[in-house]
Amino acid sequence: MTTTGVGISGRQYGCIQNVAGPLYICGVEKSMQRENYSLAVFDSDRAMLDACTLILKEHGIAIQAFSNSTDIVNQLQAHPPSAILLDNSILPHGGLEVLQLLQQHWELKEIPVIYMTANGVTGDKALRYGAGFLLIKPFDLPQLVETVLRACRPGTGS
């Protein structure tokens, strides 16, 4: 079920409530949403992959979900996304290796990468390797949505 409301600041926000239990996505302005954004999500954790897909589709973002990094270059070249959400533990290569691989391809290194990790040191390294955005786990859902929307908008930086 999706509802909308007005926050303390007077800005409109959207919420998702999962019928099976409370799952809320609040605090992201509806005006930030764009129907033409696409995101490639790479995460070996199927539950996280499914959750990101569900949440981000609710915000009008087209999702390409991948549970491994095998053939990542061809997958991204076939359907270039607005941004990439990349987990540190993606198999079989690992997130840092994938970042280095993306930097070797001129048409892919321009795609903003949001790097997800639970380790701040690894996150710093990911930023040095070319990630434009960083999500330190655990993160909250509004932070995920806002970071993805920022990464997808042309001309925005970290």
C-alpha atoms as a PDB file:
ATOM      1  CA  MET A   1       0.000   0.000   0.000  1.00  0.00           C
ATOM      2  CA  THR A   2       1.348   3.427  -0.909  1.00  0.00           C
ATOM      3  CA  THR A   3       0.347   6.605   0.854  1.00  0.00           C
ATOM      4  CA  THR A   4       1.468  10.188   0.645  1.00  0.00           C
ATOM      5  CA  GLY A   5       1.576  12.896   3.236  1.00  0.00           C
ATOM      6  CA  VAL A   6       3.081  16.204   4.154  1.00  0.00           C
ATOM      7  CA  GLY A   7       6.046  16.370   6.511  1.00  0.00           C
ATOM      8  CA  ILE A   8       6.844  18.963   9.138  1.00  0.00           C
ATOM      9  CA  SER A   9       8.629  21.073   6.528  1.00  0.00           C
ATOM     10  CA  GLY A  10       5.496  21.142   4.359  1.00  0.00           C
ATOM     11  CA  ARG A  11       7.114  18.986   1.663  1.00  0.00           C
ATOM     12  CA  GLN A  12       5.244  16.045   0.202  1.00  0.00           C
ATOM     13  CA  TYR A  13       6.661  12.595   0.796  1.00  0.00           C
ATOM     14  CA  GLY A  14       5.733   9.060  -0.149  1.00  0.00           C
ATOM     15  CA  CYS A  15       5.520   6.008   2.083  1.00  0.00           C
ATOM     16  CA  ILE A  16       5.268   2.317   1.394  1.00  0.00           C
ATOM     17  CA  GLN A  17       3.683   0.061   3.930  1.00  0.00           C
ATOM     18  CA  ASN A  18       4.147  -3.655   3.485  1.00  0.00           C
ATOM     19  CA  VAL A  19       0.932  -5.533   4.286  1.00  0.00           C
ATOM     20  CA  ALA A  20       2.916  -8.349   5.928  1.00  0.00           C
ATOM     21  CA  GLY A  21       4.546  -5.923   8.344  1.00  0.00           C
ATOM     22  CA  PRO A  22       5.779  -2.379   8.661  1.00  0.00           C
ATOM     23  CA  LEU A  23       8.043  -1.320   5.805  1.00  0.00           C
ATOM     24  CA  TYR A  24       8.144   2.434   5.434  1.00  0.00           C
ATOM     25  CA  ILE A  25       9.886   4.619   2.912  1.00  0.00           C
ATOM     26  CA  CYS A  26       9.363   8.166   4.010  1.00  0.00           C
ATOM     27  CA  GLY A  27      11.159  11.444   3.718  1.00  0.00           C
ATOM     28  CA  VAL A  28      11.860  11.457  -0.019  1.00  0.00           C
ATOM     29  CA  GLU A  29      10.071  14.197  -1.869  1.00  0.00           C
ATOM     30  CA  LYS A  30       7.750  13.103  -4.666  1.00  0.00           C
ATOM     31  CA  SER A  31       9.158  15.929  -6.800  1.00  0.00           C
ATOM     32  CA  MET A  32      12.533  14.112  -6.846  1.00  0.00           C
ATOM     33  CA  GLN A  33      11.085  11.105  -8.654  1.00  0.00           C
ATOM     34  CA  ARG A  34      11.672  10.611 -12.374  1.00  0.00           C
ATOM     35  CA  GLU A  35      10.118   7.899 -14.516  1.00  0.00           C
ATOM     36  CA  ASN A  36      13.035   7.747 -16.961  1.00  0.00           C
ATOM     37  CA  TYR A  37      15.769   6.727 -14.505  1.00  0.00           C
ATOM     38  CA  SER A  38      17.228   3.238 -14.644  1.00  0.00           C
ATOM     39  CA  LEU A  39      19.460   1.495 -12.160  1.00  0.00           C
ATOM     40  CA  ALA A  40      21.560  -1.651 -12.469  1.00  0.00           C
ATOM     41  CA  VAL A  41      21.697  -3.369  -9.067  1.00  0.00           C
ATOM     42  CA  PHE A  42      24.459  -5.920  -8.399  1.00  0.00           C
ATOM     43  CA  ASP A  43      24.099  -7.826  -5.138  1.00  0.00           C
ATOM     44  CA  SER A  44      24.669 -11.521  -4.388  1.00  0.00           C
ATOM     45  CA  ASP A  45      22.244 -11.338  -1.443  1.00  0.00           C
ATOM     46  CA  ARG A  46      18.909 -12.201  -3.069  1.00  0.00           C
ATOM     47  CA  ALA A  47      16.852 -10.678  -0.241  1.00  0.00           C
ATOM     48  CA  MET A  48      18.696  -7.358  -0.527  1.00  0.00           C
ATOM     49  CA  LEU A  49      18.412  -7.446  -4.320  1.00  0.00           C
ATOM     50  CA  ASP A  50      14.654  -8.045  -4.126  1.00  0.00           C
ATOM     51  CA  ALA A  51      14.165  -5.361  -1.446  1.00  0.00           C
ATOM     52  CA  CYS A  52      16.086  -2.732  -3.432  1.00  0.00           C
ATOM     53  CA  THR A  53      14.120  -3.629  -6.551  1.00  0.00           C
ATOM     54  CA  LEU A  54      10.758  -3.333  -4.794  1.00  0.00           C
ATOM     55  CA  ILE A  55      11.583  -0.072  -3.054  1.00  0.00           C
ATOM     56  CA  LEU A  56      13.171   1.682  -6.013  1.00  0.00           C
ATOM     57  CA  LYS A  57      10.494   0.611  -8.501  1.00  0.00           C
ATOM     58  CA  GLU A  58       7.963   2.244  -6.176  1.00  0.00           C
ATOM     59  CA  HIS A  59       9.865   5.488  -6.810  1.00  0.00           C
ATOM     60  CA  GLY A  60       9.580   5.157 -10.586  1.00  0.00           C
ATOM     61  CA  ILE A  61      13.075   3.803 -11.235  1.00  0.00           C
ATOM     62  CA  ALA A  62      13.472   1.019 -13.803  1.00  0.00           C
ATOM     63  CA  ILE A  63      15.600  -1.748 -12.295  1.00  0.00           C
ATOM     64  CA  GLN A  64      17.967  -4.248 -13.864  1.00  0.00           C
ATOM     65  CA  ALA A  65      18.758  -6.730 -11.074  1.00  0.00           C
ATOM     66  CA  PHE A  66      21.823  -8.995 -11.178  1.00  0.00           C
ATOM     67  CA  SER A  67      22.837 -11.526  -8.524  1.00  0.00           C
ATOM     68  CA  ASN A  68      26.424 -11.813  -9.805  1.00  0.00           C
ATOM     69  CA  SER A  69      29.032  -9.834 -11.706  1.00  0.00           C
ATOM     70  CA  THR A  70      29.669 -12.430 -14.391  1.00  0.00           C
ATOM     71  CA  ASP A  71      29.622 -10.714 -17.799  1.00  0.00           C
ATOM     72  CA  ILE A  72      29.009  -7.328 -16.159  1.00  0.00           C
ATOM     73  CA  VAL A  73      30.586  -5.343 -19.000  1.00  0.00           C
ATOM     74  CA  ASN A  74      28.331  -6.853 -21.679  1.00  0.00           C
ATOM     75  CA  GLN A  75      25.254  -6.511 -19.452  1.00  0.00           C
ATOM     76  CA  LEU A  76      25.900  -2.815 -18.860  1.00  0.00           C
ATOM     77  CA  GLN A  77      26.855  -2.092 -22.468  1.00  0.00           C
ATOM     78  CA  ALA A  78      23.671  -3.774 -23.740  1.00  0.00           C
ATOM     79  CA  HIS A  79      21.426  -1.606 -21.526  1.00  0.00           C
ATOM     80  CA  PRO A  80      23.366   1.339 -20.035  1.00  0.00           C
ATOM     81  CA  PRO A  81      21.664   2.459 -16.815  1.00  0.00           C
ATOM     82  CA  SER A  82      21.481   5.951 -15.317  1.00  0.00           C
ATOM     83  CA  ALA A  83      23.479   4.621 -12.337  1.00  0.00           C
ATOM     84  CA  ILE A  84      24.829   1.412 -10.778  1.00  0.00           C
ATOM     85  CA  LEU A  85      24.189   0.156  -7.233  1.00  0.00           C
ATOM     86  CA  LEU A  86      27.090  -2.181  -6.441  1.00  0.00           C
ATOM     87  CA  ASP A  87      27.537  -4.312  -3.348  1.00  0.00           C
ATOM     88  CA  ASN A  88      31.026  -4.936  -1.999  1.00  0.00           C
ATOM     89  CA  SER A  89      30.401  -8.693  -1.776  1.00  0.00           C
ATOM     90  CA  ILE A  90      29.152  -9.250  -5.324  1.00  0.00           C
ATOM     91  CA  LEU A  91      30.289 -12.616  -6.645  1.00  0.00           C
ATOM     92  CA  PRO A  92      32.448 -13.802  -8.285  1.00  0.00           C
ATOM     93  CA  HIS A  93      34.646 -10.689  -8.592  1.00  0.00           C
ATOM     94  CA  GLY A  94      33.976  -8.514  -5.554  1.00  0.00           C
ATOM     95  CA  GLY A  95      32.967  -4.881  -5.697  1.00  0.00           C
ATOM     96  CA  LEU A  96      36.426  -3.317  -5.769  1.00  0.00           C
ATOM     97  CA  GLU A  97      37.486  -5.493  -8.693  1.00  0.00           C
ATOM     98  CA  VAL A  98      34.272  -4.590 -10.524  1.00  0.00           C
ATOM     99  CA  LEU A  99      34.986  -0.872  -9.970  1.00  0.00           C
ATOM    100  CA  GLN A 100      38.442  -1.291 -11.479  1.00  0.00           C
ATOM    101  CA  LEU A 101      36.945  -3.157 -14.427  1.00  0.00           C
ATOM    102  CA  LEU A 102      34.395  -0.394 -15.048  1.00  0.00           C
ATOM    103  CA  GLN A 103      37.163   2.234 -15.035  1.00  0.00           C
ATOM    104  CA  GLN A 104      38.817   0.424 -17.965  1.00  0.00           C
ATOM    105  CA  HIS A 105      35.831   1.062 -20.265  1.00  0.00           C
ATOM    106  CA  TRP A 106      35.328   4.664 -21.347  1.00  0.00           C
ATOM    107  CA  GLU A 107      31.575   4.234 -21.912  1.00  0.00           C
ATOM    108  CA  LEU A 108      31.024   2.591 -18.510  1.00  0.00           C
ATOM    109  CA  LYS A 109      33.285   4.699 -16.302  1.00  0.00           C
ATOM    110  CA  GLU A 110      30.956   7.681 -16.821  1.00  0.00           C
ATOM    111  CA  ILE A 111      28.021   5.844 -15.194  1.00  0.00           C
ATOM    112  CA  PRO A 112      27.719   6.901 -11.525  1.00  0.00           C
ATOM    113  CA  VAL A 113      28.352   4.033  -9.087  1.00  0.00           C
ATOM    114  CA  ILE A 114      26.793   3.815  -5.625  1.00  0.00           C
ATOM    115  CA  TYR A 115      28.917   1.461  -3.540  1.00  0.00           C
ATOM    116  CA  MET A 116      27.378  -0.501  -0.640  1.00  0.00           C
ATOM    117  CA  THR A 117      29.565  -1.871   2.142  1.00  0.00           C
ATOM    118  CA  ALA A 118      29.550  -2.374   5.902  1.00  0.00           C
ATOM    119  CA  ASN A 119      33.222  -1.423   6.143  1.00  0.00           C
ATOM    120  CA  GLY A 120      34.192   2.254   6.133  1.00  0.00           C
ATOM    121  CA  VAL A 121      37.787   1.546   5.094  1.00  0.00           C
ATOM    122  CA  THR A 122      36.563  -0.453   2.101  1.00  0.00           C
ATOM    123  CA  GLY A 123      34.150   2.380   1.337  1.00  0.00           C
ATOM    124  CA  ASP A 124      37.002   4.897   1.268  1.00  0.00           C
ATOM    125  CA  LYS A 125      38.902   2.614  -1.078  1.00  0.00           C
ATOM    126  CA  ALA A 126      35.821   2.319  -3.323  1.00  0.00           C
ATOM    127  CA  LEU A 127      35.642   6.105  -3.589  1.00  0.00           C
ATOM    128  CA  ARG A 128      39.304   6.179  -4.629  1.00  0.00           C
ATOM    129  CA  TYR A 129      38.578   3.435  -7.213  1.00  0.00           C
ATOM    130  CA  GLY A 130      35.866   5.513  -8.878  1.00  0.00           C
ATOM    131  CA  ALA A 131      32.619   5.130  -6.935  1.00  0.00           C
ATOM    132  CA  GLY A 132      30.744   8.411  -6.848  1.00  0.00           C
ATOM    133  CA  PHE A 133      28.484   7.589  -3.908  1.00  0.00           C
ATOM    134  CA  LEU A 134      28.786   5.458  -0.793  1.00  0.00           C
ATOM    135  CA  LEU A 135      26.159   3.696   1.320  1.00  0.00           C
ATOM    136  CA  ILE A 136      27.499   2.290   4.593  1.00  0.00           C
ATOM    137  CA  LYS A 137      25.444  -0.650   5.870  1.00  0.00           C
ATOM    138  CA  PRO A 138      23.178  -0.635   7.662  1.00  0.00           C
ATOM    139  CA  PHE A 139      21.505   2.306   5.940  1.00  0.00           C
ATOM    140  CA  ASP A 140      17.894   3.416   6.116  1.00  0.00           C
ATOM    141  CA  LEU A 141      15.479   3.254   3.208  1.00  0.00           C
ATOM    142  CA  PRO A 142      15.087   7.016   2.671  1.00  0.00           C
ATOM    143  CA  GLN A 143      18.888   7.266   2.454  1.00  0.00           C
ATOM    144  CA  LEU A 144      18.915   4.545  -0.234  1.00  0.00           C
ATOM    145  CA  VAL A 145      16.215   6.240  -2.287  1.00  0.00           C
ATOM    146  CA  GLU A 146      17.720   9.709  -1.968  1.00  0.00           C
ATOM    147  CA  THR A 147      21.218   8.491  -2.897  1.00  0.00           C
ATOM    148  CA  VAL A 148      19.927   6.612  -5.944  1.00  0.00           C
ATOM    149  CA  LEU A 149      17.914   9.603  -7.129  1.00  0.00           C
ATOM    150  CA  ARG A 150      20.946  11.889  -6.690  1.00  0.00           C
ATOM    151  CA  ALA A 151      23.163   9.465  -8.606  1.00  0.00           C
ATOM    152  CA  CYS A 152      20.648   9.146 -11.449  1.00  0.00           C
ATOM    153  CA  ARG A 153      20.247  12.884 -11.990  1.00  0.00           C
ATOM    154  CA  PRO A 154      22.659  14.217 -14.608  1.00  0.00           C
ATOM    155  CA  GLY A 155      25.193  16.691 -13.318  1.00  0.00           C
ATOM    156  CA  THR A 156      25.057  15.654  -9.653  1.00  0.00           C
ATOM    157  CA  GLY A 157      28.052  14.549  -7.706  1.00  0.00           C
ATOM    158  CA  SER A 158      28.737  12.953  -4.382  1.00  0.00           C
END
